[in-house]
Amino acid sequence: SILEASGLLISDFDNTGDSDLLICIKAENEQITDSFLNDTEN
């Protein structure tokens, strides 16, 4: 609900539950979002 209110809720998250970790990034371009999403483990 908080993600939705913040404009960060994407359709991929629709069927997720309490034990799922959700990472969402809004950035100026796709290169920035992909860089962080690919590097989350580090």
Full PDB file with SEQRES, HELIX, SHEET, SSBOND, CRYST1, ORIGX, SCALE, CONECT and MASTER records, all heavy atoms in Angstrom:
SEQRES   1 A   42  SER ILE LEU GLU ALA SER GLY LEU LEU ILE SER ASP PHE          
SEQRES   2 A   42  ASP ASN THR GLY ASP SER ASP LEU LEU ILE CYS ILE LYS          
SEQRES   3 A   42  ALA GLU ASN GLU GLN ILE THR ASP SER PHE LEU ASN ASP          
SEQRES   4 A   42  THR GLU ASN                                                  
HELIX    1 AA1 ILE A    2  ALA A    5  1                                   4    
HELIX    2 AA2 SER A   11  PHE A   13  5                                   3    
HELIX    3 AA3 GLU A   30  ASN A   38  1                                   9    
CRYST1    1.000    1.000    1.000  90.00  90.00  90.00 P 1           1          
ORIGX1      1.000000  0.000000  0.000000        0.00000                         
ORIGX2      0.000000  1.000000  0.000000        0.00000                         
ORIGX3      0.000000  0.000000  1.000000        0.00000                         
SCALE1      1.000000  0.000000  0.000000        0.00000                         
SCALE2      0.000000  1.000000  0.000000        0.00000                         
SCALE3      0.000000  0.000000  1.000000        0.00000                         
ATOM      1  N   SER A   1       0.839  -1.206   0.000  1.00  0.00           N  
ATOM      2  CA  SER A   1       0.000   0.000   0.000  1.00  0.00           C  
ATOM      3  C   SER A   1       0.871   1.253   0.000  1.00  0.00           C  
ATOM      4  O   SER A   1       0.574   2.240  -0.672  1.00  0.00           O  
ATOM      5  CB  SER A   1      -0.912   0.023   1.240  1.00  0.00           C  
ATOM      6  OG  SER A   1      -1.836  -1.021   1.195  1.00  0.00           O  
ATOM      7  N   ILE A   2       1.974   1.194   0.778  1.00  0.00           N  
ATOM      8  CA  ILE A   2       2.898   2.323   0.839  1.00  0.00           C  
ATOM      9  C   ILE A   2       3.593   2.515  -0.517  1.00  0.00           C  
ATOM     10  O   ILE A   2       3.753   3.640  -0.988  1.00  0.00           O  
ATOM     11  CB  ILE A   2       3.934   2.105   1.964  1.00  0.00           C  
ATOM     12  CG1 ILE A   2       3.236   2.173   3.336  1.00  0.00           C  
ATOM     13  CG2 ILE A   2       5.048   3.149   1.901  1.00  0.00           C  
ATOM     14  CD1 ILE A   2       4.068   1.643   4.486  1.00  0.00           C  
ATOM     15  N   LEU A   3       3.984   1.408  -1.161  1.00  0.00           N  
ATOM     16  CA  LEU A   3       4.600   1.493  -2.481  1.00  0.00           C  
ATOM     17  C   LEU A   3       3.640   2.115  -3.489  1.00  0.00           C  
ATOM     18  O   LEU A   3       4.035   2.954  -4.307  1.00  0.00           O  
ATOM     19  CB  LEU A   3       5.016   0.096  -2.965  1.00  0.00           C  
ATOM     20  CG  LEU A   3       6.192  -0.573  -2.254  1.00  0.00           C  
ATOM     21  CD1 LEU A   3       6.442  -1.956  -2.852  1.00  0.00           C  
ATOM     22  CD2 LEU A   3       7.458   0.257  -2.341  1.00  0.00           C  
ATOM     23  N   GLU A   4       2.369   1.708  -3.399  1.00  0.00           N  
ATOM     24  CA  GLU A   4       1.365   2.251  -4.322  1.00  0.00           C  
ATOM     25  C   GLU A   4       1.216   3.759  -4.138  1.00  0.00           C  
ATOM     26  O   GLU A   4       1.191   4.530  -5.098  1.00  0.00           O  
ATOM     27  CB  GLU A   4       0.019   1.554  -4.101  1.00  0.00           C  
ATOM     28  CG  GLU A   4      -1.054   1.997  -5.079  1.00  0.00           C  
ATOM     29  CD  GLU A   4      -2.370   1.258  -4.893  1.00  0.00           C  
ATOM     30  OE1 GLU A   4      -2.554   0.609  -3.831  1.00  0.00           O  
ATOM     31  OE2 GLU A   4      -3.220   1.332  -5.786  1.00  0.00           O  
ATOM     32  N   ALA A   5       1.131   4.180  -2.875  1.00  0.00           N  
ATOM     33  CA  ALA A   5       0.980   5.613  -2.584  1.00  0.00           C  
ATOM     34  C   ALA A   5       2.210   6.408  -3.024  1.00  0.00           C  
ATOM     35  O   ALA A   5       2.106   7.588  -3.345  1.00  0.00           O  
ATOM     36  CB  ALA A   5       0.728   5.815  -1.095  1.00  0.00           C  
ATOM     37  N   SER A   6       3.367   5.748  -3.052  1.00  0.00           N  
ATOM     38  CA  SER A   6       4.612   6.420  -3.429  1.00  0.00           C  
ATOM     39  C   SER A   6       4.894   6.345  -4.927  1.00  0.00           C  
ATOM     40  O   SER A   6       5.916   6.862  -5.387  1.00  0.00           O  
ATOM     41  CB  SER A   6       5.795   5.800  -2.675  1.00  0.00           C  
ATOM     42  OG  SER A   6       5.572   5.794  -1.291  1.00  0.00           O  
ATOM     43  N   GLY A   7       4.023   5.650  -5.656  1.00  0.00           N  
ATOM     44  CA  GLY A   7       4.244   5.493  -7.095  1.00  0.00           C  
ATOM     45  C   GLY A   7       5.331   4.501  -7.419  1.00  0.00           C  
ATOM     46  O   GLY A   7       5.959   4.560  -8.479  1.00  0.00           O  
ATOM     47  N   LEU A   8       5.587   3.548  -6.511  1.00  0.00           N  
ATOM     48  CA  LEU A   8       6.646   2.562  -6.708  1.00  0.00           C  
ATOM     49  C   LEU A   8       6.124   1.132  -6.829  1.00  0.00           C  
ATOM     50  O   LEU A   8       6.913   0.177  -6.856  1.00  0.00           O  
ATOM     51  CB  LEU A   8       7.651   2.634  -5.549  1.00  0.00           C  
ATOM     52  CG  LEU A   8       8.487   3.918  -5.434  1.00  0.00           C  
ATOM     53  CD1 LEU A   8       9.280   3.927  -4.132  1.00  0.00           C  
ATOM     54  CD2 LEU A   8       9.430   4.058  -6.618  1.00  0.00           C  
ATOM     55  N   LEU A   9       4.808   0.958  -6.877  1.00  0.00           N  
ATOM     56  CA  LEU A   9       4.239  -0.392  -6.977  1.00  0.00           C  
ATOM     57  C   LEU A   9       4.137  -0.785  -8.444  1.00  0.00           C  
ATOM     58  O   LEU A   9       3.398  -0.180  -9.221  1.00  0.00           O  
ATOM     59  CB  LEU A   9       2.857  -0.445  -6.317  1.00  0.00           C  
ATOM     60  CG  LEU A   9       2.218  -1.836  -6.255  1.00  0.00           C  
ATOM     61  CD1 LEU A   9       3.033  -2.762  -5.354  1.00  0.00           C  
ATOM     62  CD2 LEU A   9       0.785  -1.750  -5.755  1.00  0.00           C  
ATOM     63  N   ILE A  10       4.886  -1.815  -8.831  1.00  0.00           N  
ATOM     64  CA  ILE A  10       4.844  -2.299 -10.212  1.00  0.00           C  
ATOM     65  C   ILE A  10       4.067  -3.611 -10.274  1.00  0.00           C  
ATOM     66  O   ILE A  10       3.912  -4.305  -9.260  1.00  0.00           O  
ATOM     67  CB  ILE A  10       6.271  -2.478 -10.780  1.00  0.00           C  
ATOM     68  CG1 ILE A  10       7.082  -3.464  -9.925  1.00  0.00           C  
ATOM     69  CG2 ILE A  10       6.992  -1.130 -10.866  1.00  0.00           C  
ATOM     70  CD1 ILE A  10       8.462  -3.776 -10.488  1.00  0.00           C  
ATOM     71  N   SER A  11       3.590  -3.971 -11.437  1.00  0.00           N  
ATOM     72  CA  SER A  11       2.716  -5.152 -11.595  1.00  0.00           C  
ATOM     73  C   SER A  11       3.429  -6.451 -11.204  1.00  0.00           C  
ATOM     74  O   SER A  11       2.786  -7.413 -10.783  1.00  0.00           O  
ATOM     75  CB  SER A  11       2.210  -5.249 -13.034  1.00  0.00           C  
ATOM     76  OG  SER A  11       3.309  -5.313 -13.941  1.00  0.00           O  
ATOM     77  N   ASP A  12       4.760  -6.484 -11.315  1.00  0.00           N  
ATOM     78  CA  ASP A  12       5.522  -7.693 -10.939  1.00  0.00           C  
ATOM     79  C   ASP A  12       5.314  -8.070  -9.472  1.00  0.00           C  
ATOM     80  O   ASP A  12       5.510  -9.224  -9.080  1.00  0.00           O  
ATOM     81  CB  ASP A  12       7.025  -7.460 -11.165  1.00  0.00           C  
ATOM     82  CG  ASP A  12       7.382  -7.315 -12.632  1.00  0.00           C  
ATOM     83  OD1 ASP A  12       6.469  -7.419 -13.474  1.00  0.00           O  
ATOM     84  OD2 ASP A  12       8.569  -7.073 -12.937  1.00  0.00           O  
ATOM     85  N   PHE A  13       4.942  -7.077  -8.647  1.00  0.00           N  
ATOM     86  CA  PHE A  13       4.802  -7.311  -7.202  1.00  0.00           C  
ATOM     87  C   PHE A  13       3.408  -7.811  -6.801  1.00  0.00           C  
ATOM     88  O   PHE A  13       3.158  -8.079  -5.632  1.00  0.00           O  
ATOM     89  CB  PHE A  13       5.092  -6.017  -6.422  1.00  0.00           C  
ATOM     90  CG  PHE A  13       6.489  -5.501  -6.540  1.00  0.00           C  
ATOM     91  CD1 PHE A  13       6.812  -4.197  -6.186  1.00  0.00           C  
ATOM     92  CD2 PHE A  13       7.528  -6.320  -6.999  1.00  0.00           C  
ATOM     93  CE1 PHE A  13       8.105  -3.712  -6.285  1.00  0.00           C  
ATOM     94  CE2 PHE A  13       8.830  -5.841  -7.111  1.00  0.00           C  
ATOM     95  CZ  PHE A  13       9.124  -4.539  -6.750  1.00  0.00           C  
ATOM     96  N   ASP A  14       2.484  -7.947  -7.755  1.00  0.00           N  
ATOM     97  CA  ASP A  14       1.084  -8.258  -7.437  1.00  0.00           C  
ATOM     98  C   ASP A  14       0.907  -9.523  -6.606  1.00  0.00           C  
ATOM     99  O   ASP A  14       0.104  -9.559  -5.678  1.00  0.00           O  
ATOM    100  CB  ASP A  14       0.261  -8.380  -8.725  1.00  0.00           C  
ATOM    101  CG  ASP A  14       0.018  -7.022  -9.379  1.00  0.00           C  
ATOM    102  OD1 ASP A  14       0.339  -5.997  -8.736  1.00  0.00           O  
ATOM    103  OD2 ASP A  14      -0.462  -6.990 -10.527  1.00  0.00           O  
ATOM    104  N   ASN A  15       1.633 -10.575  -6.922  1.00  0.00           N  
ATOM    105  CA  ASN A  15       1.423 -11.866  -6.257  1.00  0.00           C  
ATOM    106  C   ASN A  15       2.487 -12.190  -5.209  1.00  0.00           C  
ATOM    107  O   ASN A  15       2.673 -13.348  -4.840  1.00  0.00           O  
ATOM    108  CB  ASN A  15       1.369 -12.990  -7.305  1.00  0.00           C  
ATOM    109  CG  ASN A  15       0.193 -12.805  -8.256  1.00  0.00           C  
ATOM    110  OD1 ASN A  15      -0.919 -12.519  -7.822  1.00  0.00           O  
ATOM    111  ND2 ASN A  15       0.443 -12.961  -9.551  1.00  0.00           N  
ATOM    112  N   THR A  16       3.173 -11.174  -4.728  1.00  0.00           N  
ATOM    113  CA  THR A  16       4.206 -11.406  -3.706  1.00  0.00           C  
ATOM    114  C   THR A  16       3.585 -11.436  -2.305  1.00  0.00           C  
ATOM    115  O   THR A  16       2.477 -10.953  -2.090  1.00  0.00           O  
ATOM    116  CB  THR A  16       5.286 -10.305  -3.758  1.00  0.00           C  
ATOM    117  OG1 THR A  16       4.645  -9.027  -3.677  1.00  0.00           O  
ATOM    118  CG2 THR A  16       6.077 -10.398  -5.049  1.00  0.00           C  
ATOM    119  N   GLY A  17       4.340 -12.018  -1.357  1.00  0.00           N  
ATOM    120  CA  GLY A  17       3.835 -12.143   0.013  1.00  0.00           C  
ATOM    121  C   GLY A  17       4.826 -11.669   1.048  1.00  0.00           C  
ATOM    122  O   GLY A  17       5.891 -11.119   0.715  1.00  0.00           O  
ATOM    123  N   ASP A  18       4.495 -11.915   2.322  1.00  0.00           N  
ATOM    124  CA  ASP A  18       5.275 -11.401   3.457  1.00  0.00           C  
ATOM    125  C   ASP A  18       6.747 -11.808   3.431  1.00  0.00           C  
ATOM    126  O   ASP A  18       7.612 -11.089   3.925  1.00  0.00           O  
ATOM    127  CB  ASP A  18       4.669 -11.885   4.780  1.00  0.00           C  
ATOM    128  CG  ASP A  18       3.311 -11.258   5.045  1.00  0.00           C  
ATOM    129  OD1 ASP A  18       2.751 -10.661   4.115  1.00  0.00           O  
ATOM    130  OD2 ASP A  18       2.813 -11.380   6.170  1.00  0.00           O  
ATOM    131  N   SER A  19       7.046 -13.002   2.887  1.00  0.00           N  
ATOM    132  CA  SER A  19       8.426 -13.504   2.926  1.00  0.00           C  
ATOM    133  C   SER A  19       9.230 -13.126   1.686  1.00  0.00           C  
ATOM    134  O   SER A  19      10.363 -13.572   1.517  1.00  0.00           O  
ATOM    135  CB  SER A  19       8.419 -15.028   3.092  1.00  0.00           C  
ATOM    136  OG  SER A  19       7.733 -15.631   2.009  1.00  0.00           O  
ATOM    137  N   ASP A  20       8.634 -12.314   0.811  1.00  0.00           N  
ATOM    138  CA  ASP A  20       9.344 -11.861  -0.391  1.00  0.00           C  
ATOM    139  C   ASP A  20       9.935 -10.475  -0.166  1.00  0.00           C  
ATOM    140  O   ASP A  20       9.283  -9.589   0.383  1.00  0.00           O  
ATOM    141  CB  ASP A  20       8.393 -11.802  -1.593  1.00  0.00           C  
ATOM    142  CG  ASP A  20       7.822 -13.156  -1.949  1.00  0.00           C  
ATOM    143  OD1 ASP A  20       8.572 -14.148  -1.838  1.00  0.00           O  
ATOM    144  OD2 ASP A  20       6.638 -13.238  -2.322  1.00  0.00           O  
ATOM    145  N   LEU A  21      11.178 -10.307  -0.607  1.00  0.00           N  
ATOM    146  CA  LEU A  21      11.823  -9.005  -0.513  1.00  0.00           C  
ATOM    147  C   LEU A  21      11.603  -8.255  -1.830  1.00  0.00           C  
ATOM    148  O   LEU A  21      11.903  -8.777  -2.904  1.00  0.00           O  
ATOM    149  CB  LEU A  21      13.319  -9.181  -0.261  1.00  0.00           C  
ATOM    150  CG  LEU A  21      14.165  -7.905  -0.190  1.00  0.00           C  
ATOM    151  CD1 LEU A  21      13.735  -7.045   0.988  1.00  0.00           C  
ATOM    152  CD2 LEU A  21      15.646  -8.248  -0.077  1.00  0.00           C  
ATOM    153  N   LEU A  22      11.062  -7.045  -1.725  1.00  0.00           N  
ATOM    154  CA  LEU A  22      10.762  -6.235  -2.904  1.00  0.00           C  
ATOM    155  C   LEU A  22      11.742  -5.068  -2.986  1.00  0.00           C  
ATOM    156  O   LEU A  22      11.911  -4.317  -2.031  1.00  0.00           O  
ATOM    157  CB  LEU A  22       9.333  -5.686  -2.845  1.00  0.00           C  
ATOM    158  CG  LEU A  22       8.210  -6.676  -2.498  1.00  0.00           C  
ATOM    159  CD1 LEU A  22       6.860  -5.970  -2.558  1.00  0.00           C  
ATOM    160  CD2 LEU A  22       8.233  -7.885  -3.426  1.00  0.00           C  
ATOM    161  N   ILE A  23      12.380  -4.942  -4.144  1.00  0.00           N  
ATOM    162  CA  ILE A  23      13.303  -3.831  -4.370  1.00  0.00           C  
ATOM    163  C   ILE A  23      12.793  -3.050  -5.576  1.00  0.00           C  
ATOM    164  O   ILE A  23      12.597  -3.622  -6.652  1.00  0.00           O  
ATOM    165  CB  ILE A  23      14.732  -4.332  -4.655  1.00  0.00           C  
ATOM    166  CG1 ILE A  23      15.220  -5.208  -3.488  1.00  0.00           C  
ATOM    167  CG2 ILE A  23      15.693  -3.161  -4.868  1.00  0.00           C  
ATOM    168  CD1 ILE A  23      16.470  -5.994  -3.797  1.00  0.00           C  
ATOM    169  N   CYS A  24      12.536  -1.775  -5.399  1.00  0.00           N  
ATOM    170  CA  CYS A  24      12.023  -0.958  -6.487  1.00  0.00           C  
ATOM    171  C   CYS A  24      12.820   0.347  -6.574  1.00  0.00           C  
ATOM    172  O   CYS A  24      13.083   0.976  -5.552  1.00  0.00           O  
ATOM    173  CB  CYS A  24      10.540  -0.650  -6.278  1.00  0.00           C  
ATOM    174  SG  CYS A  24       9.768   0.046  -7.747  1.00  0.00           S  
ATOM    175  N   ILE A  25      13.196   0.714  -7.782  1.00  0.00           N  
ATOM    176  CA  ILE A  25      13.996   1.924  -7.991  1.00  0.00           C  
ATOM    177  C   ILE A  25      13.387   2.782  -9.099  1.00  0.00           C  
ATOM    178  O   ILE A  25      13.080   2.279 -10.181  1.00  0.00           O  
ATOM    179  CB  ILE A  25      15.456   1.567  -8.360  1.00  0.00           C  
ATOM    180  CG1 ILE A  25      16.098   0.737  -7.239  1.00  0.00           C  
ATOM    181  CG2 ILE A  25      16.278   2.832  -8.603  1.00  0.00           C  
ATOM    182  CD1 ILE A  25      17.417   0.109  -7.624  1.00  0.00           C  
ATOM    183  N   LYS A  26      13.194   4.048  -8.803  1.00  0.00           N  
ATOM    184  CA  LYS A  26      12.778   5.027  -9.819  1.00  0.00           C  
ATOM    185  C   LYS A  26      14.002   5.905 -10.093  1.00  0.00           C  
ATOM    186  O   LYS A  26      14.558   6.509  -9.174  1.00  0.00           O  
ATOM    187  CB  LYS A  26      11.618   5.877  -9.314  1.00  0.00           C  
ATOM    188  CG  LYS A  26      11.113   6.893 -10.347  1.00  0.00           C  
ATOM    189  CD  LYS A  26      10.103   7.852  -9.740  1.00  0.00           C  
ATOM    190  CE  LYS A  26       8.752   7.186  -9.561  1.00  0.00           C  
ATOM    191  NZ  LYS A  26       7.720   8.179  -9.126  1.00  0.00           N  
ATOM    192  N   ALA A  27      14.416   5.940 -11.351  1.00  0.00           N  
ATOM    193  CA  ALA A  27      15.625   6.684 -11.700  1.00  0.00           C  
ATOM    194  C   ALA A  27      15.435   7.444 -13.005  1.00  0.00           C  
ATOM    195  O   ALA A  27      14.429   7.292 -13.699  1.00  0.00           O  
ATOM    196  CB  ALA A  27      16.811   5.736 -11.795  1.00  0.00           C  
ATOM    197  N   GLU A  28      16.441   8.240 -13.326  1.00  0.00           N  
ATOM    198  CA  GLU A  28      16.361   9.075 -14.526  1.00  0.00           C  
ATOM    199  C   GLU A  28      16.495   8.261 -15.808  1.00  0.00           C  
ATOM    200  O   GLU A  28      16.031   8.680 -16.862  1.00  0.00           O  
ATOM    201  CB  GLU A  28      17.457  10.154 -14.489  1.00  0.00           C  
ATOM    202  CG  GLU A  28      17.207  11.193 -13.402  1.00  0.00           C  
ATOM    203  CD  GLU A  28      18.360  12.171 -13.260  1.00  0.00           C  
ATOM    204  OE1 GLU A  28      19.381  12.002 -13.981  1.00  0.00           O  
ATOM    205  OE2 GLU A  28      18.253  13.095 -12.424  1.00  0.00           O  
ATOM    206  N   ASN A  29      17.170   7.078 -15.717  1.00  0.00           N  
ATOM    207  CA  ASN A  29      17.279   6.234 -16.901  1.00  0.00           C  
ATOM    208  C   ASN A  29      17.415   4.765 -16.520  1.00  0.00           C  
ATOM    209  O   ASN A  29      17.682   4.434 -15.352  1.00  0.00           O  
ATOM    210  CB  ASN A  29      18.464   6.676 -17.778  1.00  0.00           C  
ATOM    211  CG  ASN A  29      19.787   6.623 -17.018  1.00  0.00           C  
ATOM    212  OD1 ASN A  29      20.214   5.572 -16.565  1.00  0.00           O  
ATOM    213  ND2 ASN A  29      20.434   7.798 -16.885  1.00  0.00           N  
ATOM    214  N   GLU A  30      17.246   3.907 -17.523  1.00  0.00           N  
ATOM    215  CA  GLU A  30      17.250   2.453 -17.303  1.00  0.00           C  
ATOM    216  C   GLU A  30      18.617   1.940 -16.877  1.00  0.00           C  
ATOM    217  O   GLU A  30      18.714   0.965 -16.132  1.00  0.00           O  
ATOM    218  CB  GLU A  30      16.793   1.755 -18.584  1.00  0.00           C  
ATOM    219  CG  GLU A  30      16.428   0.300 -18.380  1.00  0.00           C  
ATOM    220  CD  GLU A  30      15.679  -0.288 -19.575  1.00  0.00           C  
ATOM    221  OE1 GLU A  30      15.605   0.381 -20.622  1.00  0.00           O  
ATOM    222  OE2 GLU A  30      15.169  -1.416 -19.445  1.00  0.00           O  
ATOM    223  N   GLN A  31      19.659   2.581 -17.294  1.00  0.00           N  
ATOM    224  CA  GLN A  31      21.016   2.149 -16.941  1.00  0.00           C  
ATOM    225  C   GLN A  31      21.230   2.191 -15.422  1.00  0.00           C  
ATOM    226  O   GLN A  31      21.825   1.294 -14.841  1.00  0.00           O  
ATOM    227  CB  GLN A  31      22.037   3.044 -17.642  1.00  0.00           C  
ATOM    228  CG  GLN A  31      23.476   2.574 -17.461  1.00  0.00           C  
ATOM    229  CD  GLN A  31      24.467   3.499 -18.155  1.00  0.00           C  
ATOM    230  OE1 GLN A  31      24.084   4.384 -18.909  1.00  0.00           O  
ATOM    231  NE2 GLN A  31      25.749   3.306 -17.902  1.00  0.00           N  
ATOM    232  N   ILE A  32      20.689   3.237 -14.791  1.00  0.00           N  
ATOM    233  CA  ILE A  32      20.840   3.377 -13.332  1.00  0.00           C  
ATOM    234  C   ILE A  32      20.044   2.300 -12.609  1.00  0.00           C  
ATOM    235  O   ILE A  32      20.556   1.648 -11.691  1.00  0.00           O  
ATOM    236  CB  ILE A  32      20.397   4.780 -12.869  1.00  0.00           C  
ATOM    237  CG1 ILE A  32      21.315   5.857 -13.460  1.00  0.00           C  
ATOM    238  CG2 ILE A  32      20.411   4.873 -11.346  1.00  0.00           C  
ATOM    239  CD1 ILE A  32      20.828   7.281 -13.243  1.00  0.00           C  
ATOM    240  N   THR A  33      18.780   2.087 -13.020  1.00  0.00           N  
ATOM    241  CA  THR A  33      17.951   1.066 -12.344  1.00  0.00           C  
ATOM    242  C   THR A  33      18.575  -0.316 -12.497  1.00  0.00           C  
ATOM    243  O   THR A  33      18.682  -1.074 -11.534  1.00  0.00           O  
ATOM    244  CB  THR A  33      16.509   1.052 -12.896  1.00  0.00           C  
ATOM    245  OG1 THR A  33      16.543   0.799 -14.295  1.00  0.00           O  
ATOM    246  CG2 THR A  33      15.784   2.339 -12.607  1.00  0.00           C  
ATOM    247  N   ASP A  34      19.007  -0.649 -13.706  1.00  0.00           N  
ATOM    248  CA  ASP A  34      19.570  -1.982 -13.948  1.00  0.00           C  
ATOM    249  C   ASP A  34      20.866  -2.190 -13.176  1.00  0.00           C  
ATOM    250  O   ASP A  34      21.133  -3.285 -12.660  1.00  0.00           O  
ATOM    251  CB  ASP A  34      19.833  -2.175 -15.447  1.00  0.00           C  
ATOM    252  CG  ASP A  34      18.547  -2.326 -16.240  1.00  0.00           C  
ATOM    253  OD1 ASP A  34      17.480  -2.447 -15.603  1.00  0.00           O  
ATOM    254  OD2 ASP A  34      18.598  -2.291 -17.490  1.00  0.00           O  
ATOM    255  N   SER A  35      21.658  -1.131 -13.075  1.00  0.00           N  
ATOM    256  CA  SER A  35      22.927  -1.225 -12.348  1.00  0.00           C  
ATOM    257  C   SER A  35      22.690  -1.625 -10.897  1.00  0.00           C  
ATOM    258  O   SER A  35      23.362  -2.515 -10.370  1.00  0.00           O  
ATOM    259  CB  SER A  35      23.651   0.118 -12.416  1.00  0.00           C  
ATOM    260  OG  SER A  35      24.783   0.108 -11.576  1.00  0.00           O  
ATOM    261  N   PHE A  36      21.723  -0.991 -10.238  1.00  0.00           N  
ATOM    262  CA  PHE A  36      21.435  -1.302  -8.835  1.00  0.00           C  
ATOM    263  C   PHE A  36      20.745  -2.660  -8.673  1.00  0.00           C  
ATOM    264  O   PHE A  36      21.094  -3.426  -7.778  1.00  0.00           O  
ATOM    265  CB  PHE A  36      20.570  -0.202  -8.213  1.00  0.00           C  
ATOM    266  CG  PHE A  36      21.371   0.947  -7.682  1.00  0.00           C  
ATOM    267  CD1 PHE A  36      21.373   2.169  -8.335  1.00  0.00           C  
ATOM    268  CD2 PHE A  36      22.155   0.792  -6.554  1.00  0.00           C  
ATOM    269  CE1 PHE A  36      22.119   3.219  -7.857  1.00  0.00           C  
ATOM    270  CE2 PHE A  36      22.908   1.846  -6.066  1.00  0.00           C  
ATOM    271  CZ  PHE A  36      22.895   3.066  -6.720  1.00  0.00           C  
ATOM    272  N   LEU A  37      19.792  -2.943  -9.536  1.00  0.00           N  
ATOM    273  CA  LEU A  37      19.061  -4.214  -9.408  1.00  0.00           C  
ATOM    274  C   LEU A  37      19.975  -5.409  -9.639  1.00  0.00           C  
ATOM    275  O   LEU A  37      19.801  -6.461  -9.034  1.00  0.00           O  
ATOM    276  CB  LEU A  37      17.884  -4.240 -10.382  1.00  0.00           C  
ATOM    277  CG  LEU A  37      16.760  -3.232 -10.075  1.00  0.00           C  
ATOM    278  CD1 LEU A  37      15.706  -3.246 -11.169  1.00  0.00           C  
ATOM    279  CD2 LEU A  37      16.110  -3.511  -8.723  1.00  0.00           C  
ATOM    280  N   ASN A  38      20.989  -5.236 -10.481  1.00  0.00           N  
ATOM    281  CA  ASN A  38      21.944  -6.328 -10.740  1.00  0.00           C  
ATOM    282  C   ASN A  38      22.982  -6.453  -9.626  1.00  0.00           C  
ATOM    283  O   ASN A  38      23.657  -7.476  -9.510  1.00  0.00           O  
ATOM    284  CB  ASN A  38      22.663  -6.102 -12.079  1.00  0.00           C  
ATOM    285  CG  ASN A  38      21.713  -6.233 -13.261  1.00  0.00           C  
ATOM    286  OD1 ASN A  38      20.721  -6.952 -13.180  1.00  0.00           O  
ATOM    287  ND2 ASN A  38      22.015  -5.534 -14.355  1.00  0.00           N  
ATOM    288  N   ASP A  39      23.094  -5.404  -8.818  1.00  0.00           N  
ATOM    289  CA  ASP A  39      24.152  -5.385  -7.797  1.00  0.00           C  
ATOM    290  C   ASP A  39      23.596  -5.465  -6.365  1.00  0.00           C  
ATOM    291  O   ASP A  39      24.310  -5.177  -5.411  1.00  0.00           O  
ATOM    292  CB  ASP A  39      24.965  -4.086  -7.949  1.00  0.00           C  
ATOM    293  CG  ASP A  39      26.318  -4.176  -7.245  1.00  0.00           C  
ATOM    294  OD1 ASP A  39      26.947  -5.252  -7.280  1.00  0.00           O  
ATOM    295  OD2 ASP A  39      26.737  -3.175  -6.640  1.00  0.00           O  
ATOM    296  N   THR A  40      22.326  -5.852  -6.234  1.00  0.00           N  
ATOM    297  CA  THR A  40      21.690  -5.841  -4.902  1.00  0.00           C  
ATOM    298  C   THR A  40      22.398  -6.744  -3.895  1.00  0.00           C  
ATOM    299  O   THR A  40      22.540  -6.394  -2.723  1.00  0.00           O  
ATOM    300  CB  THR A  40      20.207  -6.252  -4.991  1.00  0.00           C  
ATOM    301  OG1 THR A  40      20.098  -7.441  -5.787  1.00  0.00           O  
ATOM    302  CG2 THR A  40      19.362  -5.160  -5.578  1.00  0.00           C  
ATOM    303  N   GLU A  41      22.877  -7.918  -4.349  1.00  0.00           N  
ATOM    304  CA  GLU A  41      23.535  -8.838  -3.417  1.00  0.00           C  
ATOM    305  C   GLU A  41      24.774  -8.193  -2.797  1.00  0.00           C  
ATOM    306  O   GLU A  41      25.029  -8.330  -1.593  1.00  0.00           O  
ATOM    307  CB  GLU A  41      23.918 -10.131  -4.139  1.00  0.00           C  
ATOM    308  CG  GLU A  41      22.715 -11.037  -4.389  1.00  0.00           C  
ATOM    309  CD  GLU A  41      23.128 -12.364  -5.008  1.00  0.00           C  
ATOM    310  OE1 GLU A  41      24.301 -12.757  -4.843  1.00  0.00           O  
ATOM    311  OE2 GLU A  41      22.265 -12.996  -5.650  1.00  0.00           O  
ATOM    312  N   ASN A  42      25.541  -7.483  -3.611  1.00  0.00           N  
ATOM    313  CA  ASN A  42      26.748  -6.821  -3.092  1.00  0.00           C  
ATOM    314  C   ASN A  42      26.410  -5.677  -2.141  1.00  0.00           C  
ATOM    315  O   ASN A  42      27.129  -5.430  -1.166  1.00  0.00           O  
ATOM    316  CB  ASN A  42      27.591  -6.286  -4.254  1.00  0.00           C  
ATOM    317  CG  ASN A  42      28.308  -7.398  -4.997  1.00  0.00           C  
ATOM    318  OD1 ASN A  42      28.644  -8.421  -4.402  1.00  0.00           O  
ATOM    319  ND2 ASN A  42      28.521  -7.212  -6.291  1.00  0.00           N  
TER     320      ASN A  42                                                      
MASTER        0    0    0    3    0    0    0    6  319    1    0    4          
END                                                                             
